[in-house]
Amino acid sequence: MAIQGVCPVLALPFTADGEVDLPSFRNVVRWIISLKTEQVMIFGVASENIKLTDPERIQILTALMEEKDGSSLKVIASVADHSMELAIERAKLWESMGADYINILPPSNFSPSKEQTLEHLRGVLGAVKIPVIIQHLPQAGGMDDVSDIAMLHKEFANLAMIKCEANPPMESIERVAAITNKEVDTLVGWGGIRWLEGSHAGAVGVQPGCSMTDAYLWAEDALNRNDDKEFTDRLNKFIPWITHWITNLEQLIAIEKEILFRRGIIANSYCRRPTVNIHTDELEKEITAALNFLKEVPSHV
C-alpha cells in the first residue's frame, strides 16, 4: 500500500458554464491509469477544492472510485476543512467511500496556535483507521516546525507520511526521518521543483499537478536507475516552466487545465472564479513550448 514515486494531484474539469464536468474528469482518471501511475490525490489545491460544494465532492470521489475499480491505483482523498469537527466528519466519509489514504491540510485561517493545530491533527488521525498523510506547508500559514507534526507518530500508528512543502524541503525531510526513525515516509511537494534534493534527503515520492504526469514518470525512470545526471537532464526540460507557473497558484491551476485541454484530455479549461489571465505572450510561449515538449516524451508504459 505504500505511496512511492509520482503521485499527481488530479485537476477538476468544469464546463464552459462552470459546472463540474464528470465525463472529462473520468477521462483524466483513465489517462492517468493508462500511464501506469500508481497513486493520485484528489481535493488538493490543484483540484480547486476550495471552489467545490460538498455534493460535488461526493460525486467526484464516487466517479474516481468507479474509474479506478479493477486497477491498482491508490487514492488519497484530502481533507482541508478549517474546523476539526468538519474535518473529522469528512475524513470518516472519505474512508467509508473507499479512499486508501487521507491527506490532511492543517488549518491556517486566522493563525491558529500550535496547540490548536495539533488538536485538529490528532482529531482526524484518531477518527480513521486508514493511513494518513499530513501536509507541512509553512509558507501558506501552517506550522513552522515539522518536528511537531512528526512527533505525532508516537501517538498514531496510522501517520504514514508527511508531505514536505517547505521551500527548500530538505531539512524537513531529514528531520522527519530522524524523529521517526524512518517510520514515517516523506513526499516532495511544491511541483517537485526540488525533487532531486528531496530524494537525496530521503523523500520517497513527489506530488505535482497532473497535466504533465507522463513527463514526471519519464524523469522518475532515470531516478529509479540512480542516474542523477539523466534525471536532472530530463527534469530540467520542463521544471523551469513549473517553477515559473507555481509563483502564483491560481496561475498554475489555470495552466495545468489549459494543457489538459489542449492535449485533448478535458473538454474545457474553465476555472471557477477567482482565477487569473494566462493568455499573455510570455505564458502562451511557455505553454506552447511545454506542449511541443510533451509530444516528444517517450512513453514508459
C-alpha atoms as a PDB file:
ATOM      1  CA  MET A   1       0.000   0.000   0.000  1.00  0.00           C
ATOM      2  CA  ALA A   2       2.988   2.326   0.288  1.00  0.00           C
ATOM      3  CA  ILE A   3       2.967   5.583  -1.667  1.00  0.00           C
ATOM      4  CA  GLN A   4       6.112   5.856  -3.781  1.00  0.00           C
ATOM      5  CA  GLY A   5       7.130   7.783  -6.860  1.00  0.00           C
ATOM      6  CA  VAL A   6       4.963  10.167  -8.861  1.00  0.00           C
ATOM      7  CA  CYS A   7       1.631  10.950  -7.209  1.00  0.00           C
ATOM      8  CA  PRO A   8      -0.254  13.577  -9.246  1.00  0.00           C
ATOM      9  CA  VAL A   9      -2.957  15.814  -7.794  1.00  0.00           C
ATOM     10  CA  LEU A  10      -5.954  15.497 -10.101  1.00  0.00           C
ATOM     11  CA  ALA A  11      -7.349  18.583 -11.793  1.00  0.00           C
ATOM     12  CA  LEU A  12     -11.130  19.025 -11.697  1.00  0.00           C
ATOM     13  CA  PRO A  13     -12.595  19.989 -15.090  1.00  0.00           C
ATOM     14  CA  PHE A  14     -15.594  22.299 -15.434  1.00  0.00           C
ATOM     15  CA  THR A  15     -17.900  23.005 -18.340  1.00  0.00           C
ATOM     16  CA  ALA A  16     -17.929  26.404 -20.038  1.00  0.00           C
ATOM     17  CA  ASP A  17     -20.771  27.295 -17.632  1.00  0.00           C
ATOM     18  CA  GLY A  18     -18.676  26.444 -14.595  1.00  0.00           C
ATOM     19  CA  GLU A  19     -20.395  23.148 -13.755  1.00  0.00           C
ATOM     20  CA  VAL A  20     -18.444  20.049 -12.753  1.00  0.00           C
ATOM     21  CA  ASP A  21     -17.615  18.086 -15.917  1.00  0.00           C
ATOM     22  CA  LEU A  22     -17.687  14.476 -14.731  1.00  0.00           C
ATOM     23  CA  PRO A  23     -17.098  12.926 -18.188  1.00  0.00           C
ATOM     24  CA  SER A  24     -13.901  14.966 -18.572  1.00  0.00           C
ATOM     25  CA  PHE A  25     -12.851  14.092 -15.030  1.00  0.00           C
ATOM     26  CA  ARG A  26     -13.355  10.413 -15.762  1.00  0.00           C
ATOM     27  CA  ASN A  27     -11.200  10.865 -18.855  1.00  0.00           C
ATOM     28  CA  VAL A  28      -8.415  12.383 -16.735  1.00  0.00           C
ATOM     29  CA  VAL A  29      -8.536   9.361 -14.432  1.00  0.00           C
ATOM     30  CA  ARG A  30      -8.478   6.903 -17.343  1.00  0.00           C
ATOM     31  CA  TRP A  31      -5.494   8.713 -18.848  1.00  0.00           C
ATOM     32  CA  ILE A  32      -3.649   8.650 -15.528  1.00  0.00           C
ATOM     33  CA  ILE A  33      -4.310   4.915 -15.161  1.00  0.00           C
ATOM     34  CA  SER A  34      -3.180   4.287 -18.759  1.00  0.00           C
ATOM     35  CA  LEU A  35       0.214   5.758 -17.837  1.00  0.00           C
ATOM     36  CA  LYS A  36       0.575   3.098 -15.105  1.00  0.00           C
ATOM     37  CA  THR A  37       0.506   5.774 -12.418  1.00  0.00           C
ATOM     38  CA  GLU A  38       0.384   4.067  -9.031  1.00  0.00           C
ATOM     39  CA  GLN A  39      -1.368   6.729  -6.937  1.00  0.00           C
ATOM     40  CA  VAL A  40      -3.268  10.011  -7.154  1.00  0.00           C
ATOM     41  CA  MET A  41      -4.606  12.671  -4.812  1.00  0.00           C
ATOM     42  CA  ILE A  42      -7.968  14.381  -5.145  1.00  0.00           C
ATOM     43  CA  PHE A  43      -9.226  17.569  -3.444  1.00  0.00           C
ATOM     44  CA  GLY A  44      -5.828  19.207  -3.334  1.00  0.00           C
ATOM     45  CA  VAL A  45      -5.153  22.826  -4.233  1.00  0.00           C
ATOM     46  CA  ALA A  46      -4.735  21.784  -7.876  1.00  0.00           C
ATOM     47  CA  SER A  47      -8.239  20.231  -7.744  1.00  0.00           C
ATOM     48  CA  GLU A  48      -9.728  23.676  -6.992  1.00  0.00           C
ATOM     49  CA  ASN A  49     -11.061  22.048  -3.834  1.00  0.00           C
ATOM     50  CA  ILE A  50     -11.992  25.323  -2.142  1.00  0.00           C
ATOM     51  CA  LYS A  51     -14.355  26.067  -5.053  1.00  0.00           C
ATOM     52  CA  LEU A  52     -16.386  22.850  -4.727  1.00  0.00           C
ATOM     53  CA  THR A  53     -19.614  22.085  -2.861  1.00  0.00           C
ATOM     54  CA  ASP A  54     -19.924  19.016  -0.646  1.00  0.00           C
ATOM     55  CA  PRO A  55     -22.329  17.242  -3.054  1.00  0.00           C
ATOM     56  CA  GLU A  56     -19.838  17.889  -5.874  1.00  0.00           C
ATOM     57  CA  ARG A  57     -17.006  16.399  -3.841  1.00  0.00           C
ATOM     58  CA  ILE A  58     -19.049  13.255  -3.209  1.00  0.00           C
ATOM     59  CA  GLN A  59     -19.867  12.974  -6.934  1.00  0.00           C
ATOM     60  CA  ILE A  60     -16.206  13.398  -7.834  1.00  0.00           C
ATOM     61  CA  LEU A  61     -14.854  10.827  -5.387  1.00  0.00           C
ATOM     62  CA  THR A  62     -17.588   8.383  -6.426  1.00  0.00           C
ATOM     63  CA  ALA A  63     -16.541   8.764 -10.080  1.00  0.00           C
ATOM     64  CA  LEU A  64     -12.866   8.338  -9.180  1.00  0.00           C
ATOM     65  CA  MET A  65     -13.544   5.158  -7.206  1.00  0.00           C
ATOM     66  CA  GLU A  66     -15.619   3.762 -10.086  1.00  0.00           C
ATOM     67  CA  GLU A  67     -12.925   4.504 -12.664  1.00  0.00           C
ATOM     68  CA  LYS A  68     -10.115   3.049 -10.597  1.00  0.00           C
ATOM     69  CA  ASP A  69     -12.033  -0.173  -9.911  1.00  0.00           C
ATOM     70  CA  GLY A  70     -10.060  -3.102 -11.277  1.00  0.00           C
ATOM     71  CA  SER A  71      -6.784  -1.182 -11.365  1.00  0.00           C
ATOM     72  CA  SER A  72      -4.000  -0.959  -8.791  1.00  0.00           C
ATOM     73  CA  LEU A  73      -4.379   2.822  -8.464  1.00  0.00           C
ATOM     74  CA  LYS A  74      -4.287   4.081  -4.870  1.00  0.00           C
ATOM     75  CA  VAL A  75      -6.462   7.067  -3.975  1.00  0.00           C
ATOM     76  CA  ILE A  76      -5.508   9.774  -1.491  1.00  0.00           C
ATOM     77  CA  ALA A  77      -8.501  11.936  -0.532  1.00  0.00           C
ATOM     78  CA  SER A  78      -7.636  15.268   1.038  1.00  0.00           C
ATOM     79  CA  VAL A  79      -9.374  16.892   3.991  1.00  0.00           C
ATOM     80  CA  ALA A  80      -8.888  20.654   4.105  1.00  0.00           C
ATOM     81  CA  ASP A  81     -11.650  21.821   6.444  1.00  0.00           C
ATOM     82  CA  HIS A  82     -10.654  24.557   8.875  1.00  0.00           C
ATOM     83  CA  SER A  83     -12.907  23.111  11.583  1.00  0.00           C
ATOM     84  CA  MET A  84     -11.730  19.970  13.391  1.00  0.00           C
ATOM     85  CA  GLU A  85     -15.299  18.709  13.697  1.00  0.00           C
ATOM     86  CA  LEU A  86     -15.923  19.079   9.962  1.00  0.00           C
ATOM     87  CA  ALA A  87     -12.518  17.588   9.114  1.00  0.00           C
ATOM     88  CA  ILE A  88     -13.290  14.510  11.222  1.00  0.00           C
ATOM     89  CA  GLU A  89     -16.690  14.097   9.556  1.00  0.00           C
ATOM     90  CA  ARG A  90     -15.169  14.401   6.085  1.00  0.00           C
ATOM     91  CA  ALA A  91     -12.276  12.027   6.824  1.00  0.00           C
ATOM     92  CA  LYS A  92     -14.723   9.374   8.017  1.00  0.00           C
ATOM     93  CA  LEU A  93     -16.804   9.863   4.865  1.00  0.00           C
ATOM     94  CA  TRP A  94     -13.801   9.526   2.546  1.00  0.00           C
ATOM     95  CA  GLU A  95     -12.736   6.385   4.422  1.00  0.00           C
ATOM     96  CA  SER A  96     -16.238   4.893   4.072  1.00  0.00           C
ATOM     97  CA  MET A  97     -16.195   5.624   0.327  1.00  0.00           C
ATOM     98  CA  GLY A  98     -13.036   3.565  -0.147  1.00  0.00           C
ATOM     99  CA  ALA A  99     -10.155   6.045  -0.098  1.00  0.00           C
ATOM    100  CA  ASP A 100      -6.832   4.337   0.563  1.00  0.00           C
ATOM    101  CA  TYR A 101      -5.279   7.325   2.347  1.00  0.00           C
ATOM    102  CA  ILE A 102      -6.487  10.524   3.980  1.00  0.00           C
ATOM    103  CA  ASN A 103      -4.444  13.685   3.404  1.00  0.00           C
ATOM    104  CA  ILE A 104      -4.793  16.449   5.997  1.00  0.00           C
ATOM    105  CA  LEU A 105      -4.156  20.071   5.109  1.00  0.00           C
ATOM    106  CA  PRO A 106      -3.795  21.637   8.577  1.00  0.00           C
ATOM    107  CA  PRO A 107      -5.899  24.716   9.333  1.00  0.00           C
ATOM    108  CA  SER A 108      -4.214  28.078   8.772  1.00  0.00           C
ATOM    109  CA  ASN A 109      -7.036  30.648   8.651  1.00  0.00           C
ATOM    110  CA  PHE A 110      -6.790  33.232  11.440  1.00  0.00           C
ATOM    111  CA  SER A 111      -3.387  31.861  12.501  1.00  0.00           C
ATOM    112  CA  PRO A 112      -4.310  29.005  14.862  1.00  0.00           C
ATOM    113  CA  SER A 113      -1.777  28.262  17.580  1.00  0.00           C
ATOM    114  CA  LYS A 114       0.465  25.206  17.512  1.00  0.00           C
ATOM    115  CA  GLU A 115      -1.709  23.603  20.175  1.00  0.00           C
ATOM    116  CA  GLN A 116      -4.879  24.229  18.169  1.00  0.00           C
ATOM    117  CA  THR A 117      -3.328  22.810  15.013  1.00  0.00           C
ATOM    118  CA  LEU A 118      -2.107  19.698  16.814  1.00  0.00           C
ATOM    119  CA  GLU A 119      -5.569  19.204  18.339  1.00  0.00           C
ATOM    120  CA  HIS A 120      -7.001  19.292  14.805  1.00  0.00           C
ATOM    121  CA  LEU A 121      -4.471  16.757  13.517  1.00  0.00           C
ATOM    122  CA  ARG A 122      -4.990  14.443  16.494  1.00  0.00           C
ATOM    123  CA  GLY A 123      -8.730  14.568  15.971  1.00  0.00           C
ATOM    124  CA  VAL A 124      -8.526  13.432  12.356  1.00  0.00           C
ATOM    125  CA  LEU A 125      -5.775  10.866  12.937  1.00  0.00           C
ATOM    126  CA  GLY A 126      -7.829   9.269  15.702  1.00  0.00           C
ATOM    127  CA  ALA A 127     -11.029   9.230  13.668  1.00  0.00           C
ATOM    128  CA  VAL A 128      -9.903   6.922  10.842  1.00  0.00           C
ATOM    129  CA  LYS A 129      -8.147   3.582  10.561  1.00  0.00           C
ATOM    130  CA  ILE A 130      -6.589   4.056   7.104  1.00  0.00           C
ATOM    131  CA  PRO A 131      -3.125   5.636   6.642  1.00  0.00           C
ATOM    132  CA  VAL A 132      -2.867   9.413   6.912  1.00  0.00           C
ATOM    133  CA  ILE A 133      -0.616  11.942   5.185  1.00  0.00           C
ATOM    134  CA  ILE A 134      -0.126  15.406   6.702  1.00  0.00           C
ATOM    135  CA  GLN A 135       0.950  18.383   4.613  1.00  0.00           C
ATOM    136  CA  HIS A 136       3.641  20.624   6.064  1.00  0.00           C
ATOM    137  CA  LEU A 137       3.142  23.910   4.232  1.00  0.00           C
ATOM    138  CA  PRO A 138       4.665  26.696   6.342  1.00  0.00           C
ATOM    139  CA  GLN A 139       4.679  29.280   3.540  1.00  0.00           C
ATOM    140  CA  ALA A 140       0.862  29.151   3.471  1.00  0.00           C
ATOM    141  CA  GLY A 141       0.483  29.919   7.160  1.00  0.00           C
ATOM    142  CA  GLY A 142       0.940  26.414   8.508  1.00  0.00           C
ATOM    143  CA  MET A 143       3.131  25.309  11.396  1.00  0.00           C
ATOM    144  CA  ASP A 144       6.753  26.321  11.000  1.00  0.00           C
ATOM    145  CA  ASP A 145       8.338  23.314  12.692  1.00  0.00           C
ATOM    146  CA  VAL A 146       7.774  19.948  11.033  1.00  0.00           C
ATOM    147  CA  SER A 147       9.065  18.275  14.200  1.00  0.00           C
ATOM    148  CA  ASP A 148       5.768  18.937  15.987  1.00  0.00           C
ATOM    149  CA  ILE A 149       3.919  17.054  13.247  1.00  0.00           C
ATOM    150  CA  ALA A 150       6.435  14.218  13.073  1.00  0.00           C
ATOM    151  CA  MET A 151       6.157  13.605  16.827  1.00  0.00           C
ATOM    152  CA  LEU A 152       2.538  12.564  16.332  1.00  0.00           C
ATOM    153  CA  HIS A 153       3.771   9.209  15.020  1.00  0.00           C
ATOM    154  CA  LYS A 154       4.352   8.208  18.665  1.00  0.00           C
ATOM    155  CA  GLU A 155       0.605   8.512  19.294  1.00  0.00           C
ATOM    156  CA  PHE A 156      -0.845   7.399  15.971  1.00  0.00           C
ATOM    157  CA  ALA A 157       0.374   4.360  14.072  1.00  0.00           C
ATOM    158  CA  ASN A 158      -1.624   5.443  11.010  1.00  0.00           C
ATOM    159  CA  LEU A 159       0.516   8.554  10.448  1.00  0.00           C
ATOM    160  CA  ALA A 160       2.171   7.181   7.336  1.00  0.00           C
ATOM    161  CA  MET A 161       3.664  10.185   5.551  1.00  0.00           C
ATOM    162  CA  ILE A 162       4.380  13.891   5.720  1.00  0.00           C
ATOM    163  CA  LYS A 163       4.311  15.943   2.545  1.00  0.00           C
ATOM    164  CA  CYS A 164       7.188  18.386   2.961  1.00  0.00           C
ATOM    165  CA  GLU A 165       6.449  21.633   1.128  1.00  0.00           C
ATOM    166  CA  ALA A 166       8.814  23.995   2.873  1.00  0.00           C
ATOM    167  CA  ASN A 167      10.941  25.656   0.220  1.00  0.00           C
ATOM    168  CA  PRO A 168      13.531  24.154   0.235  1.00  0.00           C
ATOM    169  CA  PRO A 169      12.226  20.914   1.836  1.00  0.00           C
ATOM    170  CA  MET A 170      15.435  19.002   2.519  1.00  0.00           C
ATOM    171  CA  GLU A 171      15.828  19.908   6.191  1.00  0.00           C
ATOM    172  CA  SER A 172      12.216  18.990   6.907  1.00  0.00           C
ATOM    173  CA  ILE A 173      12.600  15.643   5.137  1.00  0.00           C
ATOM    174  CA  GLU A 174      15.739  14.805   7.109  1.00  0.00           C
ATOM    175  CA  ARG A 175      14.146  15.821  10.426  1.00  0.00           C
ATOM    176  CA  VAL A 176      11.106  13.626   9.829  1.00  0.00           C
ATOM    177  CA  ALA A 177      13.380  10.662   9.125  1.00  0.00           C
ATOM    178  CA  ALA A 178      15.443  11.313  12.249  1.00  0.00           C
ATOM    179  CA  ILE A 179      12.499  11.913  14.593  1.00  0.00           C
ATOM    180  CA  THR A 180      10.523   8.889  13.415  1.00  0.00           C
ATOM    181  CA  ASN A 181      13.481   6.577  12.796  1.00  0.00           C
ATOM    182  CA  LYS A 182      12.289   6.461   9.173  1.00  0.00           C
ATOM    183  CA  GLU A 183       8.933   5.013  10.238  1.00  0.00           C
ATOM    184  CA  VAL A 184       7.162   7.959   8.585  1.00  0.00           C
ATOM    185  CA  ASP A 185       7.880   8.494   4.891  1.00  0.00           C
ATOM    186  CA  THR A 186       8.008  11.860   3.134  1.00  0.00           C
ATOM    187  CA  LEU A 187       6.822  13.322  -0.157  1.00  0.00           C
ATOM    188  CA  VAL A 188       8.212  16.300  -2.035  1.00  0.00           C
ATOM    189  CA  GLY A 189       5.522  18.845  -2.839  1.00  0.00           C
ATOM    190  CA  TRP A 190       5.534  22.269  -4.486  1.00  0.00           C
ATOM    191  CA  GLY A 191       5.544  20.940  -8.037  1.00  0.00           C
ATOM    192  CA  GLY A 192       8.671  18.862  -7.493  1.00  0.00           C
ATOM    193  CA  ILE A 193      10.987  21.784  -8.162  1.00  0.00           C
ATOM    194  CA  ARG A 194      13.376  20.360  -5.523  1.00  0.00           C
ATOM    195  CA  TRP A 195      12.702  16.728  -6.369  1.00  0.00           C
ATOM    196  CA  LEU A 196      16.317  15.547  -6.715  1.00  0.00           C
ATOM    197  CA  GLU A 197      17.496  17.182  -3.491  1.00  0.00           C
ATOM    198  CA  GLY A 198      14.393  15.921  -1.705  1.00  0.00           C
ATOM    199  CA  SER A 199      15.026  12.400  -2.926  1.00  0.00           C
ATOM    200  CA  HIS A 200      18.616  12.524  -1.713  1.00  0.00           C
ATOM    201  CA  ALA A 201      17.318  13.721   1.672  1.00  0.00           C
ATOM    202  CA  GLY A 202      15.088  10.655   1.884  1.00  0.00           C
ATOM    203  CA  ALA A 203      11.738  11.504   0.262  1.00  0.00           C
ATOM    204  CA  VAL A 204      10.119   8.521  -1.449  1.00  0.00           C
ATOM    205  CA  GLY A 205       7.883  10.377  -3.886  1.00  0.00           C
ATOM    206  CA  VAL A 206       6.739  13.614  -5.476  1.00  0.00           C
ATOM    207  CA  GLN A 207       3.279  15.186  -5.731  1.00  0.00           C
ATOM    208  CA  PRO A 208       2.903  17.554  -8.707  1.00  0.00           C
ATOM    209  CA  GLY A 209      -0.112  18.597 -10.763  1.00  0.00           C
ATOM    210  CA  CYS A 210      -1.412  16.062 -13.258  1.00  0.00           C
ATOM    211  CA  SER A 211      -1.187  17.686 -16.705  1.00  0.00           C
ATOM    212  CA  MET A 212       2.424  16.569 -17.247  1.00  0.00           C
ATOM    213  CA  THR A 213       2.288  13.258 -15.387  1.00  0.00           C
ATOM    214  CA  ASP A 214       3.958  11.442 -18.279  1.00  0.00           C
ATOM    215  CA  ALA A 215       6.930  13.832 -18.107  1.00  0.00           C
ATOM    216  CA  TYR A 216       7.323  13.265 -14.364  1.00  0.00           C
ATOM    217  CA  LEU A 217       7.151   9.490 -14.886  1.00  0.00           C
ATOM    218  CA  TRP A 218       9.773   9.774 -17.627  1.00  0.00           C
ATOM    219  CA  ALA A 219      12.069  11.646 -15.249  1.00  0.00           C
ATOM    220  CA  GLU A 220      11.339   9.151 -12.476  1.00  0.00           C
ATOM    221  CA  ASP A 221      12.556   6.317 -14.678  1.00  0.00           C
ATOM    222  CA  ALA A 222      16.071   7.784 -14.588  1.00  0.00           C
ATOM    223  CA  LEU A 223      15.832   8.476 -10.851  1.00  0.00           C
ATOM    224  CA  ASN A 224      14.903   4.848 -10.190  1.00  0.00           C
ATOM    225  CA  ARG A 225      18.030   3.791 -12.086  1.00  0.00           C
ATOM    226  CA  ASN A 226      20.100   6.066  -9.815  1.00  0.00           C
ATOM    227  CA  ASP A 227      21.181   8.019 -12.866  1.00  0.00           C
ATOM    228  CA  ASP A 228      21.223  11.508 -11.354  1.00  0.00           C
ATOM    229  CA  LYS A 229      22.678  13.107 -14.457  1.00  0.00           C
ATOM    230  CA  GLU A 230      19.997  11.749 -16.766  1.00  0.00           C
ATOM    231  CA  PHE A 231      17.302  12.517 -14.182  1.00  0.00           C
ATOM    232  CA  THR A 232      18.499  16.118 -13.915  1.00  0.00           C
ATOM    233  CA  ASP A 233      18.669  16.457 -17.699  1.00  0.00           C
ATOM    234  CA  ARG A 234      15.111  15.189 -18.057  1.00  0.00           C
ATOM    235  CA  LEU A 235      13.733  17.251 -15.195  1.00  0.00           C
ATOM    236  CA  ASN A 236      15.365  20.407 -16.486  1.00  0.00           C
ATOM    237  CA  LYS A 237      13.464  20.062 -19.758  1.00  0.00           C
ATOM    238  CA  PHE A 238      10.207  21.003 -18.018  1.00  0.00           C
ATOM    239  CA  ILE A 239      10.725  22.022 -14.382  1.00  0.00           C
ATOM    240  CA  PRO A 240      11.717  25.640 -15.249  1.00  0.00           C
ATOM    241  CA  TRP A 241       8.161  26.162 -16.534  1.00  0.00           C
ATOM    242  CA  ILE A 242       6.696  24.697 -13.338  1.00  0.00           C
ATOM    243  CA  THR A 243       8.990  26.899 -11.260  1.00  0.00           C
ATOM    244  CA  HIS A 244       7.638  29.975 -13.036  1.00  0.00           C
ATOM    245  CA  TRP A 245       3.983  28.947 -13.038  1.00  0.00           C
ATOM    246  CA  ILE A 246       3.877  27.990  -9.364  1.00  0.00           C
ATOM    247  CA  THR A 247       4.775  31.524  -8.260  1.00  0.00           C
ATOM    248  CA  ASN A 248       1.006  32.087  -8.420  1.00  0.00           C
ATOM    249  CA  LEU A 249      -1.122  29.057  -7.518  1.00  0.00           C
ATOM    250  CA  GLU A 250      -4.170  30.249  -9.462  1.00  0.00           C
ATOM    251  CA  GLN A 251      -1.857  30.651 -12.456  1.00  0.00           C
ATOM    252  CA  LEU A 252      -0.521  27.111 -12.060  1.00  0.00           C
ATOM    253  CA  ILE A 253      -4.045  25.688 -11.773  1.00  0.00           C
ATOM    254  CA  ALA A 254      -5.200  27.522 -14.894  1.00  0.00           C
ATOM    255  CA  ILE A 255      -2.160  26.459 -16.930  1.00  0.00           C
ATOM    256  CA  GLU A 256      -2.499  22.835 -15.816  1.00  0.00           C
ATOM    257  CA  LYS A 257      -6.071  22.826 -17.111  1.00  0.00           C
ATOM    258  CA  GLU A 258      -5.115  24.634 -20.314  1.00  0.00           C
ATOM    259  CA  ILE A 259      -2.516  21.947 -21.026  1.00  0.00           C
ATOM    260  CA  LEU A 260      -5.014  19.152 -20.315  1.00  0.00           C
ATOM    261  CA  PHE A 261      -7.494  20.873 -22.640  1.00  0.00           C
ATOM    262  CA  ARG A 262      -5.011  21.321 -25.474  1.00  0.00           C
ATOM    263  CA  ARG A 263      -3.877  17.724 -25.085  1.00  0.00           C
ATOM    264  CA  GLY A 264      -7.485  16.642 -25.682  1.00  0.00           C
ATOM    265  CA  ILE A 265      -7.891  15.117 -22.212  1.00  0.00           C
ATOM    266  CA  ILE A 266     -10.587  17.523 -20.954  1.00  0.00           C
ATOM    267  CA  ALA A 267     -13.273  19.382 -22.908  1.00  0.00           C
ATOM    268  CA  ASN A 268     -12.775  22.848 -21.429  1.00  0.00           C
ATOM    269  CA  SER A 269     -10.101  24.731 -19.468  1.00  0.00           C
ATOM    270  CA  TYR A 270     -12.610  26.799 -17.450  1.00  0.00           C
ATOM    271  CA  CYS A 271     -11.558  27.712 -13.898  1.00  0.00           C
ATOM    272  CA  ARG A 272     -14.048  28.866 -11.311  1.00  0.00           C
ATOM    273  CA  ARG A 273     -13.591  32.448 -10.194  1.00  0.00           C
ATOM    274  CA  PRO A 274     -11.438  33.948  -8.901  1.00  0.00           C
ATOM    275  CA  THR A 275      -8.834  32.979 -11.463  1.00  0.00           C
ATOM    276  CA  VAL A 276      -6.104  34.711 -13.460  1.00  0.00           C
ATOM    277  CA  ASN A 277      -5.454  35.565 -17.075  1.00  0.00           C
ATOM    278  CA  ILE A 278      -2.901  33.179 -18.557  1.00  0.00           C
ATOM    279  CA  HIS A 279      -3.269  34.401 -22.135  1.00  0.00           C
ATOM    280  CA  THR A 280      -0.232  36.637 -22.158  1.00  0.00           C
ATOM    281  CA  ASP A 281       2.552  36.487 -24.706  1.00  0.00           C
ATOM    282  CA  GLU A 282       5.031  35.113 -22.179  1.00  0.00           C
ATOM    283  CA  LEU A 283       2.776  32.389 -20.805  1.00  0.00           C
ATOM    284  CA  GLU A 284       1.453  31.456 -24.230  1.00  0.00           C
ATOM    285  CA  LYS A 285       5.015  30.934 -25.420  1.00  0.00           C
ATOM    286  CA  GLU A 286       5.780  28.710 -22.419  1.00  0.00           C
ATOM    287  CA  ILE A 287       2.564  26.691 -22.748  1.00  0.00           C
ATOM    288  CA  THR A 288       3.208  26.104 -26.450  1.00  0.00           C
ATOM    289  CA  ALA A 289       6.779  25.023 -25.723  1.00  0.00           C
ATOM    290  CA  ALA A 290       5.557  22.664 -22.999  1.00  0.00           C
ATOM    291  CA  LEU A 291       3.013  21.090 -25.337  1.00  0.00           C
ATOM    292  CA  ASN A 292       5.640  20.594 -28.039  1.00  0.00           C
ATOM    293  CA  PHE A 293       7.940  19.004 -25.469  1.00  0.00           C
ATOM    294  CA  LEU A 294       5.190  16.659 -24.257  1.00  0.00           C
ATOM    295  CA  LYS A 295       4.692  15.369 -27.794  1.00  0.00           C
ATOM    296  CA  GLU A 296       8.267  14.082 -27.681  1.00  0.00           C
ATOM    297  CA  VAL A 297       8.200  12.497 -24.199  1.00  0.00           C
ATOM    298  CA  PRO A 298       8.805   8.772 -24.636  1.00  0.00           C
ATOM    299  CA  SER A 299       6.141   6.532 -23.169  1.00  0.00           C
ATOM    300  CA  HIS A 300       7.467   4.459 -20.281  1.00  0.00           C
ATOM    301  CA  VAL A 301       4.445   2.144 -20.412  1.00  0.00           C
END
